[in-house]
Amino acid sequence: MHYQNQRVALIIPCFNEEAAIGAVIQGFREAMQGLVIYVFDNNSTDNTAKVAKEVGATVISVPLKGKGNVVRRMFADVEADIYVMVDGDATYDPNAIVPMINLLFEQRLDMVVGCRQVDLHLAGEAYRRGHQWGNRLLTQGVMHIFGGSFTDMLSGYRVFTRRYVKSFPALSAGFEIETELTVHALELRMPFGEVITRYGARPEGSVSKLSTYADGWKILKTIGRLFVSERPFAFFSGASIVLVILSFTLFFPILINYLESGLVPRFPTLVISASLAICALLSFACGLILDNVTRGRHEAKRLAYLSIPPPEFM
């Protein structure tokens, strides 16, 4: 479908969403007439693919399990100017699609995130307070490390330009993909925005695939991995400072003893102190070297981003 002279594609990652996928497709089709809809089925064991085909969506099978693997395939296979990604669980508001795309056009953005807003009477069923607290904690952690002003980093409802999609490496395998999507925009300093969108409960028969603790731990590890790979100087210089403090803490009593008596009675401790100092120097050197490597990667990704023409905003 063309909207403001742009090809718009709806891409839906799905795993066992037989009870919800039909409503998702119908809702978005009503919100934006003629929308081209792709459902990427991630080895569902129910009738997700069958239901999606019956309501007119193009269904593509992704054998490699995990949402990150599905997003990688979606971004590689679908050709469009504007991409709308939404989960297939019927929790996101289809009517937000037009305001989100309009904001992308009006402010010349590369990504717009649908920030979830839940009615109080549905909070326990639709978006548990524990999940809300965890989302805020993780979002604030990423903002503290990488900067930016996201309020719902883990939202599964997003609009992208083609230049964003085709420059995104998609390295994550599971639900931590949303973190990577956010950091990619922050690291390339892409313009992004947010739209508040209603978030509801799943329909009866639809079950969440998110494991609060297991997936939360994976997201934490992803944040740590991205911190090391995208901010190596901050990480390794911080480690260097810690090692220097430990080294000096061990060395100071030995120095005092030596100045008073001229003896070094704790020679093994002195060796450990010297080793920690050497490790601190190595850590600092690694930070400098890896910071230059990271700058090179950022330049390469930025050139890939700039090689794709921006949307012809109306």
C-alpha atoms as a PDB file:
ATOM      1  CA  MET A   1       0.000   0.000   0.000  1.00  0.00           C
ATOM      2  CA  HIS A   2       1.122   3.566  -0.656  1.00  0.00           C
ATOM      3  CA  TYR A   3       0.584   6.115   2.104  1.00  0.00           C
ATOM      4  CA  GLN A   4       1.779   9.641   1.346  1.00  0.00           C
ATOM      5  CA  ASN A   5       3.577   8.198  -1.683  1.00  0.00           C
ATOM      6  CA  GLN A   6       5.419   5.601   0.435  1.00  0.00           C
ATOM      7  CA  ARG A   7       5.146   1.789   0.393  1.00  0.00           C
ATOM      8  CA  VAL A   8       4.039   0.669   3.857  1.00  0.00           C
ATOM      9  CA  ALA A   9       4.418  -2.910   5.096  1.00  0.00           C
ATOM     10  CA  LEU A  10       3.086  -4.405   8.318  1.00  0.00           C
ATOM     11  CA  ILE A  11       5.418  -7.123   9.628  1.00  0.00           C
ATOM     12  CA  ILE A  12       4.214  -9.406  12.418  1.00  0.00           C
ATOM     13  CA  PRO A  13       6.433 -11.909  14.271  1.00  0.00           C
ATOM     14  CA  CYS A  14       4.316 -14.827  15.503  1.00  0.00           C
ATOM     15  CA  PHE A  15       4.584 -17.969  17.591  1.00  0.00           C
ATOM     16  CA  ASN A  16       1.409 -19.864  18.522  1.00  0.00           C
ATOM     17  CA  GLU A  17      -0.970 -16.912  18.143  1.00  0.00           C
ATOM     18  CA  GLU A  18      -3.907 -18.745  16.563  1.00  0.00           C
ATOM     19  CA  ALA A  19      -6.334 -17.045  18.950  1.00  0.00           C
ATOM     20  CA  ALA A  20      -5.080 -13.516  18.254  1.00  0.00           C
ATOM     21  CA  ILE A  21      -3.543 -13.236  14.791  1.00  0.00           C
ATOM     22  CA  GLY A  22      -6.841 -12.939  12.920  1.00  0.00           C
ATOM     23  CA  ALA A  23      -7.934  -9.988  15.062  1.00  0.00           C
ATOM     24  CA  VAL A  24      -4.530  -8.315  14.622  1.00  0.00           C
ATOM     25  CA  ILE A  25      -4.674  -8.535  10.835  1.00  0.00           C
ATOM     26  CA  GLN A  26      -8.314  -7.406  10.613  1.00  0.00           C
ATOM     27  CA  GLY A  27      -7.709  -4.529  13.051  1.00  0.00           C
ATOM     28  CA  PHE A  28      -4.747  -3.134  11.131  1.00  0.00           C
ATOM     29  CA  ARG A  29      -6.461  -3.628   7.784  1.00  0.00           C
ATOM     30  CA  GLU A  30      -9.376  -1.519   9.016  1.00  0.00           C
ATOM     31  CA  ALA A  31      -7.025   1.120  10.455  1.00  0.00           C
ATOM     32  CA  MET A  32      -5.135   1.475   7.165  1.00  0.00           C
ATOM     33  CA  GLN A  33      -6.904   0.264   4.032  1.00  0.00           C
ATOM     34  CA  GLY A  34      -4.835  -1.774   1.564  1.00  0.00           C
ATOM     35  CA  LEU A  35      -1.954  -2.341   3.995  1.00  0.00           C
ATOM     36  CA  VAL A  36       0.439  -5.098   2.850  1.00  0.00           C
ATOM     37  CA  ILE A  37       0.659  -7.558   5.740  1.00  0.00           C
ATOM     38  CA  TYR A  38       3.369 -10.148   6.346  1.00  0.00           C
ATOM     39  CA  VAL A  39       3.169 -12.749   9.107  1.00  0.00           C
ATOM     40  CA  PHE A  40       6.457 -14.440   9.990  1.00  0.00           C
ATOM     41  CA  ASP A  41       5.566 -17.726  11.654  1.00  0.00           C
ATOM     42  CA  ASN A  42       8.258 -18.982  14.033  1.00  0.00           C
ATOM     43  CA  ASN A  43       7.564 -22.743  14.046  1.00  0.00           C
ATOM     44  CA  SER A  44       4.075 -22.452  15.525  1.00  0.00           C
ATOM     45  CA  THR A  45       2.506 -25.740  16.605  1.00  0.00           C
ATOM     46  CA  ASP A  46      -1.066 -24.439  16.276  1.00  0.00           C
ATOM     47  CA  ASN A  47      -3.008 -22.981  13.316  1.00  0.00           C
ATOM     48  CA  THR A  48      -1.376 -19.532  13.349  1.00  0.00           C
ATOM     49  CA  ALA A  49      -0.187 -19.784   9.742  1.00  0.00           C
ATOM     50  CA  LYS A  50      -3.488 -21.183   8.520  1.00  0.00           C
ATOM     51  CA  VAL A  51      -5.553 -18.428  10.168  1.00  0.00           C
ATOM     52  CA  ALA A  52      -3.205 -15.723   8.847  1.00  0.00           C
ATOM     53  CA  LYS A  53      -3.494 -17.050   5.290  1.00  0.00           C
ATOM     54  CA  GLU A  54      -7.277 -17.262   5.535  1.00  0.00           C
ATOM     55  CA  VAL A  55      -7.537 -13.556   6.365  1.00  0.00           C
ATOM     56  CA  GLY A  56      -5.249 -12.588   3.482  1.00  0.00           C
ATOM     57  CA  ALA A  57      -1.787 -12.130   4.988  1.00  0.00           C
ATOM     58  CA  THR A  58       1.428 -13.299   3.333  1.00  0.00           C
ATOM     59  CA  VAL A  59       2.871 -15.971   5.624  1.00  0.00           C
ATOM     60  CA  ILE A  60       6.614 -16.694   5.735  1.00  0.00           C
ATOM     61  CA  SER A  61       8.039 -19.495   7.864  1.00  0.00           C
ATOM     62  CA  VAL A  62      11.127 -18.862  10.024  1.00  0.00           C
ATOM     63  CA  PRO A  63      12.549 -22.169  11.331  1.00  0.00           C
ATOM     64  CA  LEU A  64      15.203 -20.630  13.617  1.00  0.00           C
ATOM     65  CA  LYS A  65      13.445 -20.017  16.931  1.00  0.00           C
ATOM     66  CA  GLY A  66      13.541 -16.693  18.756  1.00  0.00           C
ATOM     67  CA  LYS A  67      12.064 -13.250  18.117  1.00  0.00           C
ATOM     68  CA  GLY A  68      15.459 -11.792  17.236  1.00  0.00           C
ATOM     69  CA  ASN A  69      15.897 -14.390  14.501  1.00  0.00           C
ATOM     70  CA  VAL A  70      12.433 -13.537  13.166  1.00  0.00           C
ATOM     71  CA  VAL A  71      13.189  -9.796  13.095  1.00  0.00           C
ATOM     72  CA  ARG A  72      16.428 -10.476  11.226  1.00  0.00           C
ATOM     73  CA  ARG A  73      14.477 -12.421   8.587  1.00  0.00           C
ATOM     74  CA  MET A  74      11.701  -9.813   8.373  1.00  0.00           C
ATOM     75  CA  PHE A  75      14.138  -6.970   7.794  1.00  0.00           C
ATOM     76  CA  ALA A  76      15.992  -8.991   5.155  1.00  0.00           C
ATOM     77  CA  ASP A  77      13.008 -10.308   3.186  1.00  0.00           C
ATOM     78  CA  VAL A  78      10.485  -7.453   3.100  1.00  0.00           C
ATOM     79  CA  GLU A  79      10.978  -4.528   0.711  1.00  0.00           C
ATOM     80  CA  ALA A  80       9.152  -1.319   1.607  1.00  0.00           C
ATOM     81  CA  ASP A  81       9.710   2.363   2.370  1.00  0.00           C
ATOM     82  CA  ILE A  82       8.012   2.303   5.778  1.00  0.00           C
ATOM     83  CA  TYR A  83       7.897  -0.746   8.069  1.00  0.00           C
ATOM     84  CA  VAL A  84       5.387  -1.177  10.877  1.00  0.00           C
ATOM     85  CA  MET A  85       6.341  -3.961  13.299  1.00  0.00           C
ATOM     86  CA  VAL A  86       3.832  -5.215  15.845  1.00  0.00           C
ATOM     87  CA  ASP A  87       3.486  -8.332  17.986  1.00  0.00           C
ATOM     88  CA  GLY A  88       0.812 -10.800  16.933  1.00  0.00           C
ATOM     89  CA  ASP A  89      -0.896 -11.022  20.328  1.00  0.00           C
ATOM     90  CA  ALA A  90      -3.644  -8.392  19.769  1.00  0.00           C
ATOM     91  CA  THR A  91      -2.481  -6.236  22.695  1.00  0.00           C
ATOM     92  CA  TYR A  92      -1.467  -3.153  20.675  1.00  0.00           C
ATOM     93  CA  ASP A  93      -3.900  -0.588  19.279  1.00  0.00           C
ATOM     94  CA  PRO A  94      -4.156  -0.738  15.451  1.00  0.00           C
ATOM     95  CA  ASN A  95      -5.572   2.803  15.365  1.00  0.00           C
ATOM     96  CA  ALA A  96      -2.192   4.173  16.486  1.00  0.00           C
ATOM     97  CA  ILE A  97      -0.601   3.219  13.159  1.00  0.00           C
ATOM     98  CA  VAL A  98      -1.619   6.416  11.342  1.00  0.00           C
ATOM     99  CA  PRO A  99      -0.487   8.826  14.121  1.00  0.00           C
ATOM    100  CA  MET A 100       2.815   6.946  14.377  1.00  0.00           C
ATOM    101  CA  ILE A 101       3.486   7.121  10.627  1.00  0.00           C
ATOM    102  CA  ASN A 102       2.373  10.767  10.504  1.00  0.00           C
ATOM    103  CA  LEU A 103       4.820  11.619  13.301  1.00  0.00           C
ATOM    104  CA  LEU A 104       7.564   9.851  11.347  1.00  0.00           C
ATOM    105  CA  PHE A 105       6.769  12.020   8.321  1.00  0.00           C
ATOM    106  CA  GLU A 106       6.167  15.325  10.108  1.00  0.00           C
ATOM    107  CA  GLN A 107       9.363  15.213  12.186  1.00  0.00           C
ATOM    108  CA  ARG A 108      11.461  13.345   9.591  1.00  0.00           C
ATOM    109  CA  LEU A 109      12.254  10.502  11.982  1.00  0.00           C
ATOM    110  CA  ASP A 110      13.759   7.062  11.446  1.00  0.00           C
ATOM    111  CA  MET A 111      11.900   5.244  14.222  1.00  0.00           C
ATOM    112  CA  VAL A 112       8.708   5.806  16.203  1.00  0.00           C
ATOM    113  CA  VAL A 113       7.943   3.653  19.256  1.00  0.00           C
ATOM    114  CA  GLY A 114       4.425   2.942  20.489  1.00  0.00           C
ATOM    115  CA  CYS A 115       4.686   3.524  24.260  1.00  0.00           C
ATOM    116  CA  ARG A 116       2.241   1.328  26.144  1.00  0.00           C
ATOM    117  CA  GLN A 117      -0.479   2.879  28.284  1.00  0.00           C
ATOM    118  CA  VAL A 118      -2.688   0.518  30.265  1.00  0.00           C
ATOM    119  CA  ASP A 119      -6.067   1.217  31.842  1.00  0.00           C
ATOM    120  CA  LEU A 120      -5.893   0.688  35.602  1.00  0.00           C
ATOM    121  CA  HIS A 121      -8.581  -2.019  35.602  1.00  0.00           C
ATOM    122  CA  LEU A 122      -6.557  -4.016  33.046  1.00  0.00           C
ATOM    123  CA  ALA A 123      -3.098  -3.489  34.555  1.00  0.00           C
ATOM    124  CA  GLY A 124      -2.902  -6.851  36.289  1.00  0.00           C
ATOM    125  CA  GLU A 125      -4.098  -8.767  33.243  1.00  0.00           C
ATOM    126  CA  ALA A 126      -2.549  -6.868  30.350  1.00  0.00           C
ATOM    127  CA  TYR A 127       0.724  -5.476  31.650  1.00  0.00           C
ATOM    128  CA  ARG A 128       1.666  -6.670  35.122  1.00  0.00           C
ATOM    129  CA  ARG A 129       3.178  -4.125  37.496  1.00  0.00           C
ATOM    130  CA  GLY A 130       6.286  -6.283  37.849  1.00  0.00           C
ATOM    131  CA  HIS A 131       6.802  -6.119  34.079  1.00  0.00           C
ATOM    132  CA  GLN A 132       6.209  -2.351  34.100  1.00  0.00           C
ATOM    133  CA  TRP A 133       8.757  -1.885  36.891  1.00  0.00           C
ATOM    134  CA  GLY A 134      11.281  -4.111  35.113  1.00  0.00           C
ATOM    135  CA  ASN A 135      10.762  -2.245  31.835  1.00  0.00           C
ATOM    136  CA  ARG A 136      11.343   1.112  33.529  1.00  0.00           C
ATOM    137  CA  LEU A 137      14.459  -0.204  35.272  1.00  0.00           C
ATOM    138  CA  LEU A 138      15.972  -1.623  32.073  1.00  0.00           C
ATOM    139  CA  THR A 139      15.008   1.436  30.037  1.00  0.00           C
ATOM    140  CA  GLN A 140      16.607   3.802  32.545  1.00  0.00           C
ATOM    141  CA  GLY A 141      19.729   1.640  32.599  1.00  0.00           C
ATOM    142  CA  VAL A 142      20.104   1.841  28.820  1.00  0.00           C
ATOM    143  CA  MET A 143      19.389   5.582  28.798  1.00  0.00           C
ATOM    144  CA  HIS A 144      22.024   6.098  31.502  1.00  0.00           C
ATOM    145  CA  ILE A 145      24.644   4.204  29.479  1.00  0.00           C
ATOM    146  CA  PHE A 146      23.795   5.302  25.937  1.00  0.00           C
ATOM    147  CA  GLY A 147      21.863   8.536  26.439  1.00  0.00           C
ATOM    148  CA  GLY A 148      18.543   9.320  24.775  1.00  0.00           C
ATOM    149  CA  SER A 149      15.047   9.719  26.171  1.00  0.00           C
ATOM    150  CA  PHE A 150      13.072   6.519  25.525  1.00  0.00           C
ATOM    151  CA  THR A 151      10.284   5.733  27.973  1.00  0.00           C
ATOM    152  CA  ASP A 152       9.290   2.234  26.751  1.00  0.00           C
ATOM    153  CA  MET A 153      12.378   0.532  25.364  1.00  0.00           C
ATOM    154  CA  LEU A 154      10.789  -2.936  25.256  1.00  0.00           C
ATOM    155  CA  SER A 155       7.689  -2.041  23.239  1.00  0.00           C
ATOM    156  CA  GLY A 156       6.958  -4.406  20.356  1.00  0.00           C
ATOM    157  CA  TYR A 157       5.085  -1.756  18.349  1.00  0.00           C
ATOM    158  CA  ARG A 158       7.391   0.339  16.157  1.00  0.00           C
ATOM    159  CA  VAL A 159       7.533   2.178  12.834  1.00  0.00           C
ATOM    160  CA  PHE A 160      10.808   2.315  10.882  1.00  0.00           C
ATOM    161  CA  THR A 161      12.143   3.890   7.726  1.00  0.00           C
ATOM    162  CA  ARG A 162      13.827   1.702   5.145  1.00  0.00           C
ATOM    163  CA  ARG A 163      17.227   3.219   5.920  1.00  0.00           C
ATOM    164  CA  TYR A 164      16.867   2.133   9.562  1.00  0.00           C
ATOM    165  CA  VAL A 165      15.795  -1.413   8.675  1.00  0.00           C
ATOM    166  CA  LYS A 166      18.477  -2.051   6.072  1.00  0.00           C
ATOM    167  CA  SER A 167      21.294  -0.725   8.280  1.00  0.00           C
ATOM    168  CA  PHE A 168      20.284  -2.785  11.342  1.00  0.00           C
ATOM    169  CA  PRO A 169      22.569  -5.820  11.925  1.00  0.00           C
ATOM    170  CA  ALA A 170      20.107  -7.788  14.147  1.00  0.00           C
ATOM    171  CA  LEU A 171      22.510  -9.845  16.253  1.00  0.00           C
ATOM    172  CA  SER A 172      20.160 -10.882  19.078  1.00  0.00           C
ATOM    173  CA  ALA A 173      18.217 -14.129  18.975  1.00  0.00           C
ATOM    174  CA  GLY A 174      15.318 -13.636  21.416  1.00  0.00           C
ATOM    175  CA  PHE A 175      13.227 -10.996  23.179  1.00  0.00           C
ATOM    176  CA  GLU A 176      16.338  -8.910  23.801  1.00  0.00           C
ATOM    177  CA  ILE A 177      15.992  -7.708  20.181  1.00  0.00           C
ATOM    178  CA  GLU A 178      14.030  -4.622  21.357  1.00  0.00           C
ATOM    179  CA  THR A 179      17.063  -3.516  23.370  1.00  0.00           C
ATOM    180  CA  GLU A 180      19.249  -3.858  20.285  1.00  0.00           C
ATOM    181  CA  LEU A 181      16.739  -1.909  18.172  1.00  0.00           C
ATOM    182  CA  THR A 182      16.854   0.932  20.690  1.00  0.00           C
ATOM    183  CA  VAL A 183      20.647   1.013  21.031  1.00  0.00           C
ATOM    184  CA  HIS A 184      21.080   0.961  17.234  1.00  0.00           C
ATOM    185  CA  ALA A 185      19.096   4.208  16.963  1.00  0.00           C
ATOM    186  CA  LEU A 186      21.006   5.777  19.848  1.00  0.00           C
ATOM    187  CA  GLU A 187      24.452   4.794  18.587  1.00  0.00           C
ATOM    188  CA  LEU A 188      23.847   6.143  15.070  1.00  0.00           C
ATOM    189  CA  ARG A 189      22.141   9.217  16.573  1.00  0.00           C
ATOM    190  CA  MET A 190      19.056   8.622  14.484  1.00  0.00           C
ATOM    191  CA  PRO A 191      16.051  10.866  15.029  1.00  0.00           C
ATOM    192  CA  PHE A 192      13.326   8.952  16.864  1.00  0.00           C
ATOM    193  CA  GLY A 193      10.015   9.672  18.541  1.00  0.00           C
ATOM    194  CA  GLU A 194       7.308   8.116  20.678  1.00  0.00           C
ATOM    195  CA  VAL A 195       3.524   7.921  20.559  1.00  0.00           C
ATOM    196  CA  ILE A 196       1.410   6.881  23.534  1.00  0.00           C
ATOM    197  CA  THR A 197      -0.730   3.923  22.511  1.00  0.00           C
ATOM    198  CA  ARG A 198      -3.346   1.906  24.343  1.00  0.00           C
ATOM    199  CA  TYR A 199      -2.207  -1.528  25.496  1.00  0.00           C
ATOM    200  CA  GLY A 200      -4.796  -4.217  26.217  1.00  0.00           C
ATOM    201  CA  ALA A 201      -5.126  -7.770  27.440  1.00  0.00           C
ATOM    202  CA  ARG A 202      -4.557 -10.790  25.245  1.00  0.00           C
ATOM    203  CA  PRO A 203      -7.666 -12.512  23.877  1.00  0.00           C
ATOM    204  CA  GLU A 204      -8.762 -15.725  25.557  1.00  0.00           C
ATOM    205  CA  GLY A 205      -6.600 -18.646  24.447  1.00  0.00           C
ATOM    206  CA  SER A 206      -3.516 -16.500  23.762  1.00  0.00           C
ATOM    207  CA  VAL A 207      -0.586 -17.066  26.137  1.00  0.00           C
ATOM    208  CA  SER A 208       2.455 -14.845  26.663  1.00  0.00           C
ATOM    209  CA  LYS A 209       5.767 -16.348  25.525  1.00  0.00           C
ATOM    210  CA  LEU A 210       7.783 -13.940  27.687  1.00  0.00           C
ATOM    211  CA  SER A 211       9.516 -15.490  30.692  1.00  0.00           C
ATOM    212  CA  THR A 212       9.846 -12.723  33.286  1.00  0.00           C
ATOM    213  CA  TYR A 213      13.102 -13.880  34.864  1.00  0.00           C
ATOM    214  CA  ALA A 214      14.777 -15.839  32.051  1.00  0.00           C
ATOM    215  CA  ASP A 215      14.136 -13.195  29.385  1.00  0.00           C
ATOM    216  CA  GLY A 216      14.819 -10.384  31.852  1.00  0.00           C
ATOM    217  CA  TRP A 217      18.229 -11.946  32.530  1.00  0.00           C
ATOM    218  CA  LYS A 218      18.887 -12.226  28.789  1.00  0.00           C
ATOM    219  CA  ILE A 219      18.024  -8.542  28.349  1.00  0.00           C
ATOM    220  CA  LEU A 220      20.397  -7.619  31.181  1.00  0.00           C
ATOM    221  CA  LYS A 221      23.167  -9.655  29.542  1.00  0.00           C
ATOM    222  CA  THR A 222      22.450  -7.956  26.221  1.00  0.00           C
ATOM    223  CA  ILE A 223      22.737  -4.524  27.856  1.00  0.00           C
ATOM    224  CA  GLY A 224      26.060  -5.609  29.365  1.00  0.00           C
ATOM    225  CA  ARG A 225      27.296  -6.962  26.025  1.00  0.00           C
ATOM    226  CA  LEU A 226      26.292  -3.770  24.226  1.00  0.00           C
ATOM    227  CA  PHE A 227      27.965  -1.678  26.934  1.00  0.00           C
ATOM    228  CA  VAL A 228      31.244  -3.536  26.381  1.00  0.00           C
ATOM    229  CA  SER A 229      31.027  -3.486  22.577  1.00  0.00           C
ATOM    230  CA  GLU A 230      29.637   0.043  22.109  1.00  0.00           C
ATOM    231  CA  ARG A 231      31.302   1.813  25.054  1.00  0.00           C
ATOM    232  CA  PRO A 232      34.598  -0.096  25.412  1.00  0.00           C
ATOM    233  CA  PHE A 233      36.635   2.841  26.711  1.00  0.00           C
ATOM    234  CA  ALA A 234      34.138   3.544  29.507  1.00  0.00           C
ATOM    235  CA  PHE A 235      34.019  -0.143  30.449  1.00  0.00           C
ATOM    236  CA  PHE A 236      37.738  -0.909  30.372  1.00  0.00           C
ATOM    237  CA  SER A 237      38.833   2.403  31.892  1.00  0.00           C
ATOM    238  CA  GLY A 238      36.357   1.777  34.706  1.00  0.00           C
ATOM    239  CA  ALA A 239      37.842  -1.674  35.211  1.00  0.00           C
ATOM    240  CA  SER A 240      41.306  -0.112  35.134  1.00  0.00           C
ATOM    241  CA  ILE A 241      40.387   2.321  37.918  1.00  0.00           C
ATOM    242  CA  VAL A 242      39.059  -0.533  40.083  1.00  0.00           C
ATOM    243  CA  LEU A 243      42.260  -2.513  39.540  1.00  0.00           C
ATOM    244  CA  VAL A 244      44.428   0.502  40.392  1.00  0.00           C
ATOM    245  CA  ILE A 245      42.513   1.041  43.634  1.00  0.00           C
ATOM    246  CA  LEU A 246      42.907  -2.640  44.589  1.00  0.00           C
ATOM    247  CA  SER A 247      46.578  -2.560  43.699  1.00  0.00           C
ATOM    248  CA  PHE A 248      47.233   0.564  45.752  1.00  0.00           C
ATOM    249  CA  THR A 249      45.205  -0.816  48.689  1.00  0.00           C
ATOM    250  CA  LEU A 250      47.500  -3.858  48.816  1.00  0.00           C
ATOM    251  CA  PHE A 251      50.663  -1.881  48.152  1.00  0.00           C
ATOM    252  CA  PHE A 252      50.198   0.963  50.633  1.00  0.00           C
ATOM    253  CA  PRO A 253      50.774  -1.100  53.864  1.00  0.00           C
ATOM    254  CA  ILE A 254      53.844  -2.712  52.270  1.00  0.00           C
ATOM    255  CA  LEU A 255      55.212   0.716  51.357  1.00  0.00           C
ATOM    256  CA  ILE A 256      54.703   2.003  54.925  1.00  0.00           C
ATOM    257  CA  ASN A 257      56.431  -1.098  56.329  1.00  0.00           C
ATOM    258  CA  TYR A 258      59.336  -0.699  53.935  1.00  0.00           C
ATOM    259  CA  LEU A 259      59.807   2.984  54.788  1.00  0.00           C
ATOM    260  CA  GLU A 260      59.828   2.178  58.516  1.00  0.00           C
ATOM    261  CA  SER A 261      61.995  -0.949  58.521  1.00  0.00           C
ATOM    262  CA  GLY A 262      63.575  -1.235  55.086  1.00  0.00           C
ATOM    263  CA  LEU A 263      62.096  -4.737  54.769  1.00  0.00           C
ATOM    264  CA  VAL A 264      59.409  -6.292  52.567  1.00  0.00           C
ATOM    265  CA  PRO A 265      57.987  -9.095  54.717  1.00  0.00           C
ATOM    266  CA  ARG A 266      54.879  -9.692  52.527  1.00  0.00           C
ATOM    267  CA  PHE A 267      56.538 -10.302  49.185  1.00  0.00           C
ATOM    268  CA  PRO A 268      53.659 -12.389  47.666  1.00  0.00           C
ATOM    269  CA  THR A 269      51.269  -9.498  48.369  1.00  0.00           C
ATOM    270  CA  LEU A 270      53.667  -7.144  46.597  1.00  0.00           C
ATOM    271  CA  VAL A 271      53.659  -9.466  43.569  1.00  0.00           C
ATOM    272  CA  ILE A 272      49.842  -9.477  43.538  1.00  0.00           C
ATOM    273  CA  SER A 273      49.791  -5.680  43.832  1.00  0.00           C
ATOM    274  CA  ALA A 274      52.225  -5.311  40.906  1.00  0.00           C
ATOM    275  CA  SER A 275      50.186  -7.805  38.846  1.00  0.00           C
ATOM    276  CA  LEU A 276      46.986  -5.822  39.452  1.00  0.00           C
ATOM    277  CA  ALA A 277      48.775  -2.631  38.362  1.00  0.00           C
ATOM    278  CA  ILE A 278      49.910  -4.314  35.140  1.00  0.00           C
ATOM    279  CA  CYS A 279      46.355  -5.579  34.536  1.00  0.00           C
ATOM    280  CA  ALA A 280      45.079  -2.026  35.054  1.00  0.00           C
ATOM    281  CA  LEU A 281      47.472  -0.731  32.376  1.00  0.00           C
ATOM    282  CA  LEU A 282      46.458  -3.531  30.000  1.00  0.00           C
ATOM    283  CA  SER A 283      42.771  -2.827  30.616  1.00  0.00           C
ATOM    284  CA  PHE A 284      43.259   0.872  29.869  1.00  0.00           C
ATOM    285  CA  ALA A 285      45.186   0.028  26.679  1.00  0.00           C
ATOM    286  CA  CYS A 286      42.433  -2.389  25.590  1.00  0.00           C
ATOM    287  CA  GLY A 287      39.874   0.353  26.127  1.00  0.00           C
ATOM    288  CA  LEU A 288      41.798   2.751  23.890  1.00  0.00           C
ATOM    289  CA  ILE A 289      42.281   0.167  21.127  1.00  0.00           C
ATOM    290  CA  LEU A 290      38.701  -1.142  21.192  1.00  0.00           C
ATOM    291  CA  ASP A 291      37.331   2.414  21.251  1.00  0.00           C
ATOM    292  CA  ASN A 292      39.020   3.038  17.892  1.00  0.00           C
ATOM    293  CA  VAL A 293      37.648  -0.276  16.559  1.00  0.00           C
ATOM    294  CA  THR A 294      34.148   0.698  17.712  1.00  0.00           C
ATOM    295  CA  ARG A 295      34.436   4.074  16.008  1.00  0.00           C
ATOM    296  CA  GLY A 296      35.293   2.254  12.785  1.00  0.00           C
ATOM    297  CA  ARG A 297      32.222   0.026  13.140  1.00  0.00           C
ATOM    298  CA  HIS A 298      30.026   3.037  13.792  1.00  0.00           C
ATOM    299  CA  GLU A 299      31.383   4.752  10.696  1.00  0.00           C
ATOM    300  CA  ALA A 300      30.674   1.641   8.601  1.00  0.00           C
ATOM    301  CA  LYS A 301      27.102   1.405   9.920  1.00  0.00           C
ATOM    302  CA  ARG A 302      26.606   5.112   9.396  1.00  0.00           C
ATOM    303  CA  LEU A 303      27.770   4.841   5.782  1.00  0.00           C
ATOM    304  CA  ALA A 304      25.374   1.901   5.249  1.00  0.00           C
ATOM    305  CA  TYR A 305      22.598   4.046   6.710  1.00  0.00           C
ATOM    306  CA  LEU A 306      23.462   7.024   4.501  1.00  0.00           C
ATOM    307  CA  SER A 307      23.683   4.868   1.369  1.00  0.00           C
ATOM    308  CA  ILE A 308      19.891   4.441   1.447  1.00  0.00           C
ATOM    309  CA  PRO A 309      17.851   7.479   0.383  1.00  0.00           C
ATOM    310  CA  PRO A 310      15.504   8.910   3.028  1.00  0.00           C
ATOM    311  CA  PRO A 311      11.736   8.731   2.489  1.00  0.00           C
ATOM    312  CA  GLU A 312      10.362  11.382   0.191  1.00  0.00           C
ATOM    313  CA  PHE A 313       8.412  13.120   2.939  1.00  0.00           C
ATOM    314  CA  MET A 314       5.312  14.879   1.712  1.00  0.00           C
END
